[in-house]
Protein backbone atom coordinates (compact mmCIF):
# COMPACT_ATOMS: atom_id res chain seq x y z
CA UNK A 1 3.76 1.97 -20.81
CA UNK A 2 3.07 4.44 -17.83
CA UNK A 3 1.28 7.76 -17.68
CA UNK A 4 1.23 10.21 -14.72
CA UNK A 5 -1.94 11.97 -13.97
CA UNK A 6 -2.38 14.83 -11.37
CA UNK A 7 -5.04 14.01 -8.32
CA UNK A 8 -5.97 17.08 -6.12
CA UNK A 9 -6.50 15.42 -2.45
CA UNK A 10 -7.68 16.65 0.80
CA UNK A 11 -6.71 20.34 1.08
CA UNK A 12 -5.51 21.19 -2.44
CA UNK A 13 -2.45 18.54 -1.91
CA UNK A 14 -1.29 17.14 -5.61
CA UNK A 15 -0.99 13.41 -5.73
CA UNK A 16 0.66 11.78 -8.57
CA UNK A 17 -1.34 8.89 -10.02
CA UNK A 18 0.46 6.62 -12.40
CA UNK A 19 -1.80 4.77 -15.10
CA UNK A 20 -0.26 1.16 -16.27
CA UNK A 21 -1.63 0.53 -19.75
CA UNK A 22 -0.19 -1.65 -22.06
CA UNK A 23 -2.82 -1.17 -24.60
CA UNK A 24 -3.38 2.09 -26.04
CA UNK A 25 -5.73 4.59 -23.60
CA UNK A 26 -8.88 4.32 -25.97
CA UNK A 27 -8.62 0.66 -25.47
CA UNK A 28 -8.87 0.97 -22.01
CA UNK A 29 -12.17 2.74 -21.70
CA UNK A 30 -14.68 0.58 -20.05
CA UNK A 31 -12.60 -1.65 -18.31
CA UNK A 32 -12.91 -2.01 -14.50
CA UNK A 33 -10.86 -0.13 -12.56
CA UNK A 34 -8.44 -1.34 -10.05
CA UNK A 35 -6.72 1.28 -7.65
CA UNK A 36 -3.23 0.03 -5.88
CA UNK A 37 -2.37 1.54 -2.68
CA UNK A 38 1.17 1.15 -1.48
CA UNK A 39 1.95 0.89 2.11
CA UNK A 40 3.80 3.24 4.45
CA UNK A 41 7.08 4.36 3.32
CA UNK A 42 6.30 2.93 -0.04
CA UNK A 43 5.38 4.43 -3.50
CA UNK A 44 3.26 3.87 -6.30
CA UNK A 45 6.52 2.10 -8.33
CA UNK A 46 6.19 -0.86 -5.96
CA UNK A 47 3.31 -1.97 -7.77
CA UNK A 48 4.57 -1.50 -11.39
CA UNK A 49 5.08 -5.22 -12.20
CA UNK A 50 1.53 -6.59 -10.86
CA UNK A 51 0.01 -3.38 -12.35
CA UNK A 52 1.37 -4.31 -16.21
CA UNK A 53 0.49 -8.05 -15.58
CA UNK A 54 -3.09 -6.67 -15.11
CA UNK A 55 -3.32 -4.12 -17.48
CA UNK A 56 -4.59 -5.99 -20.28
CA UNK A 57 -8.13 -6.99 -18.50
CA UNK A 58 -8.29 -4.20 -15.91
CA UNK A 59 -7.50 -0.31 -15.82
CA UNK A 60 -4.82 -0.45 -13.36
CA UNK A 61 -3.83 2.94 -11.50
CA UNK A 62 -1.39 3.33 -8.81
CA UNK A 63 -1.30 6.24 -6.44
CA UNK A 64 1.58 7.99 -4.41
CA UNK A 65 -0.15 8.52 -1.39
CA UNK A 66 0.39 11.76 0.48
CA UNK A 67 3.84 12.42 1.77
CA UNK A 68 5.40 9.53 -0.56
CA UNK A 69 6.88 9.33 -3.76
CA UNK A 70 5.92 11.92 -6.06
CA UNK A 71 3.08 13.52 -4.35
CA UNK A 72 3.32 16.72 -2.16
CA UNK A 73 4.65 16.14 1.16
CA UNK A 74 3.01 19.45 2.95
CA UNK A 75 4.86 20.42 6.08
CA UNK A 76 1.92 21.04 8.34
CA UNK A 77 0.03 17.89 7.04
CA UNK A 78 -2.30 16.68 8.09
CA UNK A 79 -1.08 12.89 7.70
CA UNK A 80 -4.22 11.53 9.58
CA UNK A 81 -6.48 8.72 8.60
CA UNK A 82 -9.09 11.11 7.00
CA UNK A 83 -6.78 12.50 4.85
CA UNK A 84 -5.44 9.61 3.56
CA UNK A 85 -8.99 7.79 2.76
CA UNK A 86 -10.29 11.38 1.33
CA UNK A 87 -7.24 11.61 -0.95
CA UNK A 88 -8.04 7.87 -2.26
CA UNK A 89 -11.82 8.73 -2.66
CA UNK A 90 -10.31 11.79 -4.78
CA UNK A 91 -8.42 9.42 -6.87
CA UNK A 92 -11.52 7.07 -7.69
CA UNK A 93 -13.55 9.82 -8.37
CA UNK A 94 -11.39 12.07 -10.38
CA UNK A 95 -9.87 9.21 -12.73
CA UNK A 96 -13.53 7.76 -13.42
CA UNK A 97 -12.67 4.35 -11.67
CA UNK A 98 -15.67 3.58 -9.64
CA UNK A 99 -16.82 1.11 -8.89
CA UNK A 100 -13.13 0.00 -8.06
CA UNK A 101 -11.20 -2.66 -6.75
CA UNK A 102 -8.88 -1.48 -4.05
CA UNK A 103 -5.63 -3.52 -3.51
CA UNK A 104 -3.77 -2.30 -0.52
CA UNK A 105 -0.73 -3.31 1.29
CA UNK A 106 -0.29 -2.31 4.79
CA UNK A 107 -1.28 1.28 5.51
CA UNK A 108 -2.62 1.16 1.96
CA UNK A 109 -5.09 -1.74 2.86
CA UNK A 110 -6.29 0.30 6.10
CA UNK A 111 -7.11 2.95 3.78
CA UNK A 112 -8.73 0.62 1.05
CA UNK A 113 -11.22 -0.77 3.93
CA UNK A 114 -12.15 2.61 5.47
CA UNK A 115 -12.85 3.96 2.15
CA UNK A 116 -14.80 0.91 1.41
CA UNK A 117 -16.89 1.41 4.50
CA UNK A 118 -17.47 4.88 4.16
CA UNK A 119 -18.42 4.93 0.25
CA UNK A 120 -19.68 1.37 -0.73
CA UNK A 121 -21.04 2.98 -4.03
CA UNK A 122 -17.33 3.36 -5.03
CA UNK A 123 -16.09 0.24 -4.07
CA UNK A 124 -16.57 -3.46 -5.35
CA UNK A 125 -14.18 -5.33 -4.17
CA UNK A 126 -10.94 -4.81 -1.49
CA UNK A 127 -8.05 -6.86 -1.17
CA UNK A 128 -6.11 -6.31 2.50
CA UNK A 129 -2.22 -7.48 2.47
CA UNK A 130 -0.57 -7.45 5.76
CA UNK A 131 -2.71 -4.89 7.59
CA UNK A 132 -3.88 -5.61 11.31
CA UNK A 133 -7.22 -4.31 12.55
CA UNK A 134 -6.23 -4.29 16.10
CA UNK A 135 -4.15 -1.17 17.44
CA UNK A 136 -0.56 -1.61 17.42
CA UNK A 137 -0.05 0.00 20.68
CA UNK A 138 2.54 3.09 22.00
CA UNK A 139 5.27 0.32 22.42
CA UNK A 140 5.50 0.02 18.62
CA UNK A 141 5.93 3.54 18.10
CA UNK A 142 9.08 3.76 20.18
CA UNK A 143 10.12 0.83 18.38
CA UNK A 144 9.78 2.39 15.03
CA UNK A 145 11.17 5.50 16.21
CA UNK A 146 14.09 3.45 17.27
CA UNK A 147 14.65 1.93 14.01
CA UNK A 148 14.05 5.00 11.81
CA UNK A 149 16.99 6.54 13.94
CA UNK A 150 19.24 3.57 13.60
CA UNK A 151 19.43 4.26 9.69
CA UNK A 152 22.81 4.71 8.79
CA UNK A 153 22.24 8.07 6.67
CA UNK A 154 23.33 8.64 4.06
CA UNK A 155 24.10 6.13 1.94
CA UNK A 156 26.87 5.82 -0.17
CA UNK A 157 25.63 4.19 -3.15
CA UNK A 158 22.01 2.07 -3.83
CA UNK A 159 23.94 -1.09 -3.13
CA UNK A 160 24.81 -0.08 0.35
CA UNK A 161 20.95 0.42 0.48
CA UNK A 162 20.04 -2.71 -0.86
CA UNK A 163 22.58 -4.34 1.50
CA UNK A 164 21.73 -2.61 4.51
CA UNK A 165 18.12 -3.37 4.34
CA UNK A 166 18.02 -6.61 2.78
CA UNK A 167 20.76 -8.04 4.98
CA UNK A 168 22.28 -6.05 7.75
CA UNK A 169 19.18 -4.55 9.35
CA UNK A 170 19.58 -6.14 12.90
CA UNK A 171 15.67 -6.45 12.89
CA UNK A 172 15.93 -8.87 10.15
CA UNK A 173 15.16 -12.52 10.91
CA UNK A 174 17.17 -13.65 7.72
CA UNK A 175 18.06 -11.90 4.22
CA UNK A 176 15.78 -10.59 2.48
CA UNK A 177 16.60 -9.20 -1.13
CA UNK A 178 13.02 -7.82 -2.11
CA UNK A 179 13.07 -5.72 0.94
CA UNK A 180 16.49 -4.11 -0.05
CA UNK A 181 14.89 -3.43 -3.51
CA UNK A 182 11.88 -1.86 -1.82
CA UNK A 183 14.14 0.90 0.08
CA UNK A 184 16.19 1.48 -2.91
CA UNK A 185 13.25 2.47 -4.75
CA UNK A 186 12.22 5.13 -2.18
CA UNK A 187 15.94 6.76 -2.02
CA UNK A 188 16.92 9.72 -3.75
CA UNK A 189 20.61 11.17 -4.51
CA UNK A 190 21.47 14.28 -2.62
CA UNK A 191 24.70 16.30 -2.36
CA UNK A 192 25.89 14.02 0.48
CA UNK A 193 24.58 10.71 -0.59
CA UNK A 194 21.32 8.94 -0.96
CA UNK A 195 18.54 9.59 1.40
CA UNK A 196 14.84 8.61 1.42
CA UNK A 197 12.36 10.51 -0.55
CA UNK A 198 9.91 10.92 2.68
CA UNK A 199 10.25 12.72 5.84
CA UNK A 200 10.60 10.36 8.87
CA UNK A 201 9.00 12.65 10.84
CA UNK A 202 5.90 12.55 8.63
CA UNK A 203 5.67 8.92 8.46
CA UNK A 204 5.51 8.71 11.99
CA UNK A 205 2.88 11.04 12.30
CA UNK A 206 0.84 9.01 9.60
CA UNK A 207 1.40 5.89 11.43
CA UNK A 208 -0.52 7.44 14.35
CA UNK A 209 -3.64 6.44 12.88
CA UNK A 210 -3.15 2.60 13.85
CA UNK A 211 -0.79 3.04 16.66
CA UNK A 212 -3.72 4.15 19.08
CA UNK A 213 -6.91 3.21 17.00
CA UNK A 214 -8.16 -0.33 16.21
CA UNK A 215 -10.38 -0.65 12.78
CA UNK A 216 -12.59 -3.42 13.69
CA UNK A 217 -15.85 -1.16 13.49
CA UNK A 218 -14.81 -0.15 9.83
CA UNK A 219 -14.08 -3.43 8.59
CA UNK A 220 -17.37 -4.85 9.65
CA UNK A 221 -18.96 -2.27 7.73
CA UNK A 222 -17.03 -3.45 4.55
CA UNK A 223 -20.01 -5.27 2.42
CA UNK A 224 -18.15 -6.15 -0.99
CA UNK A 225 -15.76 -9.07 -1.32
CA UNK A 226 -12.85 -8.83 0.45
CA UNK A 227 -9.61 -11.06 0.41
CA UNK A 228 -7.28 -10.69 3.60
CA UNK A 229 -3.79 -11.95 2.66
CA UNK A 230 -0.70 -12.43 4.80
CA UNK A 231 2.58 -13.60 4.54
CA UNK A 232 3.38 -16.50 6.81
CA UNK A 233 6.56 -14.57 8.21
CA UNK A 234 5.00 -11.36 7.96
CA UNK A 235 3.41 -8.93 10.62
CA UNK A 236 -0.46 -9.91 10.67
CA UNK A 237 -0.71 -13.08 12.57
CA UNK A 238 -2.97 -15.88 11.51
CA UNK A 239 -5.76 -15.65 14.41
CA UNK A 240 -5.97 -12.22 13.72
CA UNK A 241 -6.21 -12.47 9.96
CA UNK A 242 -8.76 -15.04 10.38
CA UNK A 243 -10.98 -12.73 13.14
CA UNK A 244 -10.63 -9.92 10.15
CA UNK A 245 -12.36 -12.55 7.70
CA UNK A 246 -15.09 -13.59 10.41
CA UNK A 247 -15.62 -10.24 10.99
CA UNK A 248 -16.09 -8.95 7.14
CA UNK A 249 -19.56 -9.80 5.69
CA UNK A 250 -18.08 -11.46 2.65
CA UNK A 251 -14.51 -12.03 3.68
CA UNK A 252 -12.00 -14.92 2.44
CA UNK A 253 -8.43 -15.54 3.85
CA UNK A 254 -5.08 -16.46 2.17
CA UNK A 255 -1.56 -16.90 2.99
CA UNK A 256 1.69 -17.15 1.22
CA UNK A 257 4.21 -19.61 2.66
CA UNK A 258 8.03 -18.26 2.66
CA UNK A 259 6.83 -14.62 2.64
CA UNK A 260 7.25 -11.95 5.00
CA UNK A 261 5.55 -8.52 5.03
CA UNK A 262 6.39 -7.47 1.30
CA UNK A 263 4.09 -10.34 0.28
CA UNK A 264 3.73 -9.02 -3.24
CA UNK A 265 7.30 -8.54 -3.71
CA UNK A 266 8.62 -11.44 -2.21
CA UNK A 267 6.52 -14.05 -3.87
CA UNK A 268 5.13 -12.34 -7.17
CA UNK A 269 3.96 -15.41 -8.56
CA UNK A 270 2.02 -16.56 -5.66
CA UNK A 271 0.74 -13.23 -4.93
CA UNK A 272 -0.58 -12.96 -8.45
CA UNK A 273 -2.18 -16.68 -8.48
CA UNK A 274 -4.49 -15.42 -5.52
CA UNK A 275 -5.20 -11.84 -6.69
CA UNK A 276 -6.10 -11.99 -10.28
CA UNK A 277 -8.70 -14.64 -10.06
CA UNK A 278 -10.15 -12.67 -7.22
CA UNK A 279 -10.10 -9.50 -9.38
CA UNK A 280 -11.66 -11.27 -12.27
CA UNK A 281 -14.49 -12.75 -10.08
CA UNK A 282 -15.38 -9.46 -8.50
CA UNK A 283 -15.09 -7.42 -11.93
CA UNK A 284 -18.77 -7.21 -12.13
C-alpha cells in the first residue's frame, strides 16, 4: 500500500511524498521514521521495493525532490543545494518523521548529510550511497551535457528506453538491465513518443551544487552514525569513500561487489543485508 502526501518545500514548491505502509496507518504510529532520497534524474518510485521491505518495522517515506517525479518543476528554480536541503527538512518536519534516518543515493545522499549537518536534532542516522564529497570539476559538466544531448529522444517504446540505457548507451562498460529499468521509470508518453518527466536543463542546474563545490566540511559536521556504501564498479572510488568515513565522526564503510552506480537497484539483496541492520541498530 502506498499513500501520496503533499509537502510544501522552500518557496512554496509542492513536493510529492510517498509513504509505503503494509500495516494500516494507525499501526505506523510511533515507528522510527526513514526518509528515502533519490538521486539526480530519479524519483521516489525507485525506492518502492526497499521501502515496502522495511515498512513492517519503520515508517518509510520516499520524496520526489523538486524537479523530479510528481513534484513541482518551477521554471525559475531554484535548484541549488539550499533548496534541496530545505525541502528535505520540510518533509521531515511536516510529516513528523524526526528524528529520522536519511537514506540517500547520489544527490539524495548529499542532501542527507547536509541536512544532518545543519539540523542534527532532526536526524538520527544517515546512509550515503554513491556520492562523492570532492567537487566533480567543470570537465564533468561538459561530459554530462554531451551525454544528455546524446539521448535519442523521443523513444518509440519503453522497451527502447530499457534497451538504450541498459545496453546501447556508449558510456556503458557492460549491459546493466537495472539501469534500463531506472530510466524507464522516469519517462512519460507524449504525443511523439516517450520523453523524460524532468527538464534536462533543470537537472544540469541542480548538478552545479557538486560540480564546483566540495562538501568535506559539512561531512565532518555529521555527528550521527553514518554508513557509506559504494558499488565496486560505481562512481565513488574506494580511496575517497574511505576518506569520507575517516572524516565522519561516526562513519562506517561498506562496498557491494558486481554493482555500479545504481547499487540499491542492481544488488537489492546485498543492499538490504547492509542497510536493514544499520537502520535497526540506530533506531533508538
